[in-house]
């Protein structure tokens, strides 16, 4: 905890996520001042500097962590660089924000967690979907036991093929952290854990690659409770992001891009029934006020980045628990790492403890 009323933040890594997602969100957070940006790519660094007027520009992280006016550092570099950059931030005694995935190797995750335990500063992993309004409500539904014992989970995360054409070259390579298993699976395997208070114990994966690695994949998983989960992913189709949970008393669907995307259906409501359709209409009507309010933040999905940074400020300034800790980042990364191993080997893989 700090006695200051503001966080002076430096951002290391000025790619698409920083310039299109983080900096626009940070501009809405009065408690955080972006005082420095850093990237070895001069063009990207200048683009970030334009979005953060007055921020100093650096081309190496050593200059950032040596800056006494910097309170916290956001590591938004490619995943293959996270271990080195996170270590530099923690050694310098700065508060840390690090994008997911935490790392591409479990040994690196373990080293970061161990290093973090020696540092009294705050450490947060960028699992922004935990801040989604509908997902937070969905977590309450699961924890209320309204769905009963969970049997199945189905996740879908697909992105616009036009966006794929704009991604950085490292996104083409699995070893550098590119592809859907590292970039996309990390989000939803974290949601399985966060929503259900459960852990993935084994995975099997079918992947698809061509000139880029892991352009599409299907992950099948068994959770500790015995529930089964599947995740379908592609970076070459239309955008869709949804998670559906099936329990013994009912089912729940969350569509992350729809303002009325939270649907809870009890066991007694039959598919296609008039009662079910009427309930759907009423759900949309009830969701309209929140939808109108959400438009001022760019919608619920875009709003997760703003809420993520508000939570970070609350953690640094007031000691609130981190929305996602280094341990949470490790837990998500270990499943994605196992899924990548399963894709490469063609066999079912036990997830490391």
Protein backbone atom coordinates (compact mmCIF):
# COMPACT_ATOMS: atom_id res chain seq x y z
CA UNK A 1 0.00 0.00 0.00
CA UNK A 2 1.17 3.55 -0.68
CA UNK A 3 0.24 6.93 0.76
CA UNK A 4 0.27 8.52 -2.69
CA UNK A 5 -2.98 9.42 -4.42
CA UNK A 6 -1.74 8.67 -7.93
CA UNK A 7 0.19 5.92 -9.70
CA UNK A 8 3.00 6.97 -12.05
CA UNK A 9 3.01 4.21 -14.68
CA UNK A 10 5.51 3.26 -17.36
CA UNK A 11 4.50 0.93 -20.20
CA UNK A 12 7.08 -1.39 -21.73
CA UNK A 13 5.95 -2.69 -25.11
CA UNK A 14 3.98 -0.40 -27.41
CA UNK A 15 2.30 -2.80 -29.81
CA UNK A 16 -1.36 -3.04 -30.78
CA UNK A 17 -2.60 -3.96 -27.30
CA UNK A 18 -0.93 -0.93 -25.73
CA UNK A 19 -1.91 1.58 -28.38
CA UNK A 20 -5.43 0.36 -29.14
CA UNK A 21 -6.56 -1.07 -25.79
CA UNK A 22 -4.51 -0.01 -22.78
CA UNK A 23 -3.70 3.63 -23.47
CA UNK A 24 -7.29 4.60 -24.44
CA UNK A 25 -8.49 2.92 -21.23
CA UNK A 26 -5.80 4.56 -19.10
CA UNK A 27 -6.83 7.99 -20.40
CA UNK A 28 -10.07 7.49 -18.42
CA UNK A 29 -8.36 6.61 -15.12
CA UNK A 30 -7.62 9.80 -13.14
CA UNK A 31 -5.54 7.95 -10.54
CA UNK A 32 -2.97 6.70 -13.07
CA UNK A 33 -0.52 8.93 -14.95
CA UNK A 34 1.36 7.36 -17.85
CA UNK A 35 4.76 8.97 -17.37
CA UNK A 36 6.88 6.80 -19.69
CA UNK A 37 6.61 4.50 -22.68
CA UNK A 38 9.26 2.09 -23.90
CA UNK A 39 9.79 0.04 -27.05
CA UNK A 40 12.76 -0.91 -29.20
CA UNK A 41 10.59 -0.13 -32.24
CA UNK A 42 10.80 3.64 -32.68
CA UNK A 43 7.60 3.90 -34.73
CA UNK A 44 5.53 2.05 -32.14
CA UNK A 45 7.08 4.06 -29.32
CA UNK A 46 6.26 7.37 -31.04
CA UNK A 47 2.68 6.20 -31.61
CA UNK A 48 2.33 5.45 -27.90
CA UNK A 49 3.90 8.78 -26.93
CA UNK A 50 1.29 10.59 -28.98
CA UNK A 51 -1.42 8.86 -26.97
CA UNK A 52 0.28 9.70 -23.66
CA UNK A 53 1.22 13.40 -23.91
CA UNK A 54 4.13 14.32 -21.68
CA UNK A 55 5.34 10.74 -21.25
CA UNK A 56 9.07 10.18 -21.54
CA UNK A 57 10.23 7.78 -24.26
CA UNK A 58 12.75 4.99 -23.69
CA UNK A 59 14.05 2.25 -25.95
CA UNK A 60 15.27 -0.13 -23.23
CA UNK A 61 13.65 -1.43 -20.06
CA UNK A 62 16.78 -0.76 -18.00
CA UNK A 63 16.16 2.98 -18.36
CA UNK A 64 12.55 2.51 -17.26
CA UNK A 65 13.29 0.58 -14.09
CA UNK A 66 16.06 3.04 -13.22
CA UNK A 67 13.66 5.99 -13.40
CA UNK A 68 12.96 7.03 -9.80
CA UNK A 69 9.77 8.83 -10.83
CA UNK A 70 8.16 5.57 -12.02
CA UNK A 71 6.02 3.79 -9.41
CA UNK A 72 4.71 0.92 -11.55
CA UNK A 73 5.60 -0.79 -14.81
CA UNK A 74 3.25 -2.50 -17.25
CA UNK A 75 4.99 -5.30 -19.16
CA UNK A 76 3.14 -5.53 -22.48
CA UNK A 77 5.92 -7.09 -24.54
CA UNK A 78 5.66 -10.40 -26.45
CA UNK A 79 5.32 -13.39 -24.07
CA UNK A 80 8.77 -14.75 -24.85
CA UNK A 81 10.24 -11.62 -23.20
CA UNK A 82 8.05 -11.61 -20.08
CA UNK A 83 10.41 -13.54 -17.81
CA UNK A 84 13.32 -11.14 -18.39
CA UNK A 85 11.20 -8.01 -18.20
CA UNK A 86 9.19 -9.05 -15.14
CA UNK A 87 12.41 -9.93 -13.32
CA UNK A 88 13.82 -6.48 -14.10
CA UNK A 89 10.70 -4.78 -12.73
CA UNK A 90 10.60 -6.87 -9.55
CA UNK A 91 14.35 -6.41 -8.93
CA UNK A 92 13.84 -2.64 -9.22
CA UNK A 93 11.11 -2.69 -6.57
CA UNK A 94 8.32 -1.37 -8.80
CA UNK A 95 4.67 -2.35 -8.79
CA UNK A 96 4.01 -4.75 -11.68
CA UNK A 97 1.32 -5.26 -14.28
CA UNK A 98 2.10 -8.02 -16.79
CA UNK A 99 0.00 -9.06 -19.74
CA UNK A 100 -1.10 -12.65 -20.16
CA UNK A 101 0.17 -15.26 -20.81
CA UNK A 102 2.54 -14.99 -17.89
CA UNK A 103 5.18 -17.02 -19.74
CA UNK A 104 5.61 -19.78 -22.30
CA UNK A 105 7.44 -22.20 -19.98
CA UNK A 106 6.33 -23.33 -16.55
CA UNK A 107 9.86 -22.88 -15.17
CA UNK A 108 9.69 -19.19 -16.08
CA UNK A 109 6.28 -18.88 -14.40
CA UNK A 110 7.66 -20.52 -11.26
CA UNK A 111 10.66 -18.19 -11.23
CA UNK A 112 8.42 -15.13 -11.50
CA UNK A 113 6.14 -16.33 -8.71
CA UNK A 114 9.16 -17.01 -6.48
CA UNK A 115 10.69 -13.64 -7.29
CA UNK A 116 7.38 -11.93 -6.61
CA UNK A 117 7.18 -13.51 -3.18
CA UNK A 118 10.37 -11.63 -2.26
CA UNK A 119 8.90 -8.28 -3.30
CA UNK A 120 6.34 -6.38 -1.21
CA UNK A 121 5.08 -4.39 -4.20
CA UNK A 122 1.82 -5.28 -5.95
CA UNK A 123 1.78 -7.77 -8.83
CA UNK A 124 -1.17 -8.07 -11.24
CA UNK A 125 -1.64 -10.21 -14.37
CA UNK A 126 -3.73 -8.81 -17.23
CA UNK A 127 -6.60 -11.28 -17.34
CA UNK A 128 -9.09 -8.57 -18.24
CA UNK A 129 -12.10 -10.82 -18.83
CA UNK A 130 -12.48 -11.18 -15.07
CA UNK A 131 -13.71 -7.56 -15.18
CA UNK A 132 -16.54 -8.22 -17.68
CA UNK A 133 -19.89 -7.16 -16.21
CA UNK A 134 -21.77 -10.24 -17.41
CA UNK A 135 -19.04 -12.67 -16.39
CA UNK A 136 -18.98 -11.24 -12.88
CA UNK A 137 -22.73 -11.77 -12.69
CA UNK A 138 -22.29 -15.27 -14.13
CA UNK A 139 -19.79 -16.12 -11.42
CA UNK A 140 -22.43 -15.22 -8.86
CA UNK A 141 -24.90 -17.56 -10.56
CA UNK A 142 -22.46 -20.48 -10.41
CA UNK A 143 -21.54 -19.81 -6.79
CA UNK A 144 -25.23 -19.60 -5.83
CA UNK A 145 -25.47 -23.25 -6.98
CA UNK A 146 -28.46 -22.34 -9.17
CA UNK A 147 -27.02 -24.57 -11.91
CA UNK A 148 -26.31 -27.47 -9.58
CA UNK A 149 -23.29 -29.70 -10.07
CA UNK A 150 -21.46 -28.70 -13.27
CA UNK A 151 -21.30 -31.32 -16.02
CA UNK A 152 -20.03 -29.52 -19.13
CA UNK A 153 -18.45 -26.22 -20.19
CA UNK A 154 -18.28 -25.01 -23.79
CA UNK A 155 -16.19 -22.00 -24.79
CA UNK A 156 -15.82 -20.28 -28.15
CA UNK A 157 -13.31 -17.52 -28.91
CA UNK A 158 -12.90 -16.49 -32.54
CA UNK A 159 -11.48 -13.29 -33.97
CA UNK A 160 -11.94 -11.24 -37.11
CA UNK A 161 -9.72 -12.44 -39.96
CA UNK A 162 -9.14 -8.78 -40.88
CA UNK A 163 -7.54 -8.23 -37.45
CA UNK A 164 -5.22 -11.20 -37.94
CA UNK A 165 -3.68 -9.51 -40.97
CA UNK A 166 -2.62 -6.57 -38.76
CA UNK A 167 -0.90 -8.60 -36.03
CA UNK A 168 2.81 -8.41 -35.29
CA UNK A 169 5.10 -11.02 -36.92
CA UNK A 170 5.79 -12.77 -33.58
CA UNK A 171 2.12 -13.76 -33.49
CA UNK A 172 2.82 -16.25 -36.32
CA UNK A 173 5.13 -18.39 -34.19
CA UNK A 174 4.19 -20.71 -31.32
CA UNK A 175 7.70 -20.53 -29.83
CA UNK A 176 7.37 -16.72 -29.55
CA UNK A 177 3.92 -16.88 -27.97
CA UNK A 178 1.80 -16.54 -31.08
CA UNK A 179 -1.20 -18.60 -32.11
CA UNK A 180 -4.56 -19.21 -30.50
CA UNK A 181 -3.37 -21.66 -27.84
CA UNK A 182 -1.14 -19.10 -26.15
CA UNK A 183 -3.03 -15.91 -26.95
CA UNK A 184 -6.66 -17.02 -26.71
CA UNK A 185 -6.82 -20.22 -24.67
CA UNK A 186 -5.19 -18.47 -21.72
CA UNK A 187 -8.26 -16.26 -21.30
CA UNK A 188 -10.85 -19.01 -21.24
CA UNK A 189 -8.99 -21.60 -19.22
CA UNK A 190 -8.63 -18.83 -16.63
CA UNK A 191 -12.39 -18.23 -16.84
CA UNK A 192 -13.10 -21.92 -16.23
CA UNK A 193 -11.01 -21.75 -13.08
CA UNK A 194 -12.40 -18.36 -11.95
CA UNK A 195 -16.06 -19.05 -12.71
CA UNK A 196 -16.20 -22.59 -11.37
CA UNK A 197 -13.55 -22.56 -8.61
CA UNK A 198 -12.13 -25.66 -10.30
CA UNK A 199 -8.85 -26.73 -11.89
CA UNK A 200 -8.00 -28.38 -15.22
CA UNK A 201 -6.17 -31.66 -14.71
CA UNK A 202 -5.73 -33.01 -18.27
CA UNK A 203 -6.08 -31.76 -21.84
CA UNK A 204 -6.12 -33.00 -25.42
CA UNK A 205 -5.75 -30.64 -28.37
CA UNK A 206 -6.32 -30.67 -32.11
CA UNK A 207 -4.63 -27.79 -33.90
CA UNK A 208 -4.51 -26.29 -37.36
CA UNK A 209 -1.50 -24.48 -38.83
CA UNK A 210 -0.40 -23.32 -42.27
CA UNK A 211 1.89 -20.35 -42.93
CA UNK A 212 1.09 -19.34 -39.35
CA UNK A 213 1.15 -21.68 -36.36
CA UNK A 214 -1.98 -22.49 -34.37
CA UNK A 215 -4.46 -20.49 -36.42
CA UNK A 216 -7.24 -22.67 -35.01
CA UNK A 217 -7.50 -25.25 -32.25
CA UNK A 218 -9.92 -27.32 -30.23
CA UNK A 219 -9.00 -28.02 -26.63
CA UNK A 220 -10.75 -30.73 -24.62
CA UNK A 221 -10.22 -30.79 -20.88
CA UNK A 222 -11.15 -32.66 -17.73
CA UNK A 223 -11.55 -30.63 -14.54
CA UNK A 224 -10.77 -31.81 -11.03
CA UNK A 225 -14.49 -32.01 -10.23
CA UNK A 226 -15.01 -34.41 -13.14
CA UNK A 227 -16.67 -31.80 -15.37
CA UNK A 228 -15.60 -31.78 -19.02
CA UNK A 229 -14.75 -28.59 -20.92
CA UNK A 230 -14.14 -27.72 -24.57
CA UNK A 231 -12.72 -24.60 -26.19
CA UNK A 232 -13.00 -23.80 -29.90
CA UNK A 233 -10.68 -21.08 -31.23
CA UNK A 234 -9.83 -19.49 -34.56
CA UNK A 235 -8.16 -16.28 -35.70
CA UNK A 236 -9.52 -16.55 -39.25
CA UNK A 237 -13.27 -16.11 -39.10
CA UNK A 238 -15.83 -13.76 -37.59
CA UNK A 239 -15.59 -12.45 -34.01
CA UNK A 240 -17.40 -14.46 -31.37
CA UNK A 241 -16.74 -15.01 -27.70
CA UNK A 242 -19.04 -17.13 -25.58
CA UNK A 243 -19.00 -19.52 -22.66
CA UNK A 244 -21.80 -21.92 -21.78
CA UNK A 245 -22.04 -23.88 -18.52
CA UNK A 246 -24.28 -26.92 -18.16
CA UNK A 247 -25.28 -28.06 -14.69
CA UNK A 248 -27.65 -30.67 -13.32
CA UNK A 249 -30.26 -27.99 -12.49
CA UNK A 250 -29.90 -25.76 -15.54
CA UNK A 251 -27.57 -24.09 -17.98
CA UNK A 252 -26.04 -20.63 -18.38
CA UNK A 253 -24.76 -18.86 -21.48
CA UNK A 254 -22.61 -15.72 -21.52
CA UNK A 255 -21.99 -13.94 -24.82
CA UNK A 256 -19.28 -11.36 -24.16
CA UNK A 257 -20.11 -9.10 -27.10
CA UNK A 258 -23.88 -8.86 -26.49
CA UNK A 259 -25.34 -6.44 -23.95
CA UNK A 260 -28.07 -8.98 -23.10
CA UNK A 261 -25.66 -11.89 -23.32
CA UNK A 262 -26.27 -13.48 -19.92
CA UNK A 263 -28.92 -16.22 -20.12
CA UNK A 264 -29.78 -18.59 -17.29
CA UNK A 265 -32.15 -21.41 -18.21
CA UNK A 266 -33.52 -23.70 -15.46
CA UNK A 267 -34.09 -27.40 -15.97
CA UNK A 268 -37.84 -26.82 -16.19
CA UNK A 269 -37.65 -24.57 -19.29
CA UNK A 270 -37.77 -26.65 -22.46
CA UNK A 271 -35.71 -25.60 -25.52
CA UNK A 272 -37.82 -23.65 -28.02
CA UNK A 273 -40.78 -23.23 -25.68
CA UNK A 274 -42.94 -20.11 -25.79
CA UNK A 275 -42.12 -19.45 -22.12
CA UNK A 276 -38.42 -19.58 -22.89
CA UNK A 277 -38.77 -17.14 -25.79
CA UNK A 278 -40.77 -14.71 -23.68
CA UNK A 279 -38.09 -14.90 -21.00
CA UNK A 280 -35.50 -14.08 -23.67
CA UNK A 281 -37.42 -10.97 -24.75
CA UNK A 282 -37.78 -9.82 -21.16
CA UNK A 283 -34.06 -10.42 -20.58
CA UNK A 284 -33.24 -8.08 -23.47
CA UNK A 285 -35.62 -5.39 -22.20
CA UNK A 286 -34.19 -5.56 -18.68
CA UNK A 287 -30.64 -5.32 -20.04
CA UNK A 288 -31.25 -2.14 -22.05
CA UNK A 289 -30.44 0.40 -19.28
CA UNK A 290 -27.08 -1.24 -18.60
CA UNK A 291 -26.43 -1.40 -22.35
CA UNK A 292 -27.02 2.35 -22.77
CA UNK A 293 -24.70 3.08 -19.85
CA UNK A 294 -22.08 0.70 -21.23
CA UNK A 295 -22.01 2.46 -24.60
CA UNK A 296 -20.25 5.40 -22.95
CA UNK A 297 -17.38 3.00 -22.17
CA UNK A 298 -17.30 1.35 -25.59
CA UNK A 299 -19.45 -1.58 -24.52
CA UNK A 300 -18.90 -4.26 -21.90
CA UNK A 301 -15.94 -5.91 -23.63
CA UNK A 302 -14.01 -2.68 -24.22
CA UNK A 303 -14.91 -1.65 -20.69
CA UNK A 304 -12.97 -4.59 -19.24
CA UNK A 305 -9.71 -2.75 -19.94
CA UNK A 306 -10.87 0.38 -18.15
CA UNK A 307 -12.12 -1.65 -15.19
CA UNK A 308 -8.87 -3.61 -15.14
CA UNK A 309 -6.85 -0.42 -14.71
CA UNK A 310 -9.26 0.95 -12.09
CA UNK A 311 -8.74 -2.26 -10.15
CA UNK A 312 -4.96 -1.94 -10.57
CA UNK A 313 -5.04 1.58 -9.13
CA UNK A 314 -7.15 0.33 -6.22
CA UNK A 315 -4.62 -2.44 -5.57
CA UNK A 316 -1.58 -0.16 -5.67
CA UNK A 317 -3.08 2.81 -3.79
CA UNK A 318 -5.33 1.09 -1.29
CA UNK A 319 -4.01 -2.44 -1.01
CA UNK A 320 -7.03 -4.15 -2.58
CA UNK A 321 -6.38 -7.80 -3.54
CA UNK A 322 -5.10 -8.09 -7.13
CA UNK A 323 -7.80 -9.03 -9.62
CA UNK A 324 -5.42 -11.70 -10.94
CA UNK A 325 -2.20 -12.58 -9.13
CA UNK A 326 1.03 -14.07 -10.44
CA UNK A 327 -0.24 -17.39 -9.11
CA UNK A 328 -3.42 -16.96 -11.16
CA UNK A 329 -1.31 -16.18 -14.21
CA UNK A 330 0.74 -19.32 -13.61
CA UNK A 331 -2.40 -21.44 -13.24
CA UNK A 332 -3.74 -20.25 -16.61
CA UNK A 333 -0.37 -20.54 -18.33
CA UNK A 334 0.22 -24.12 -17.17
CA UNK A 335 -3.01 -25.25 -18.88
CA UNK A 336 -2.10 -23.43 -22.11
CA UNK A 337 1.39 -24.94 -21.98
CA UNK A 338 -0.10 -28.42 -21.56
CA UNK A 339 -2.53 -27.74 -24.42
CA UNK A 340 0.35 -26.75 -26.71
CA UNK A 341 2.21 -29.93 -25.73
CA UNK A 342 -0.90 -31.98 -26.48
CA UNK A 343 -1.21 -30.35 -29.91
CA UNK A 344 2.42 -31.12 -30.73
CA UNK A 345 2.36 -34.69 -29.43
CA UNK A 346 -1.14 -35.76 -30.43
CA UNK A 347 -1.81 -37.26 -27.02
CA UNK A 348 -3.62 -36.36 -23.83
CA UNK A 349 -1.39 -34.45 -21.40
CA UNK A 350 -1.66 -34.17 -17.64
CA UNK A 351 -1.51 -30.56 -16.48
CA UNK A 352 1.44 -29.85 -14.20
CA UNK A 353 0.60 -29.08 -10.58
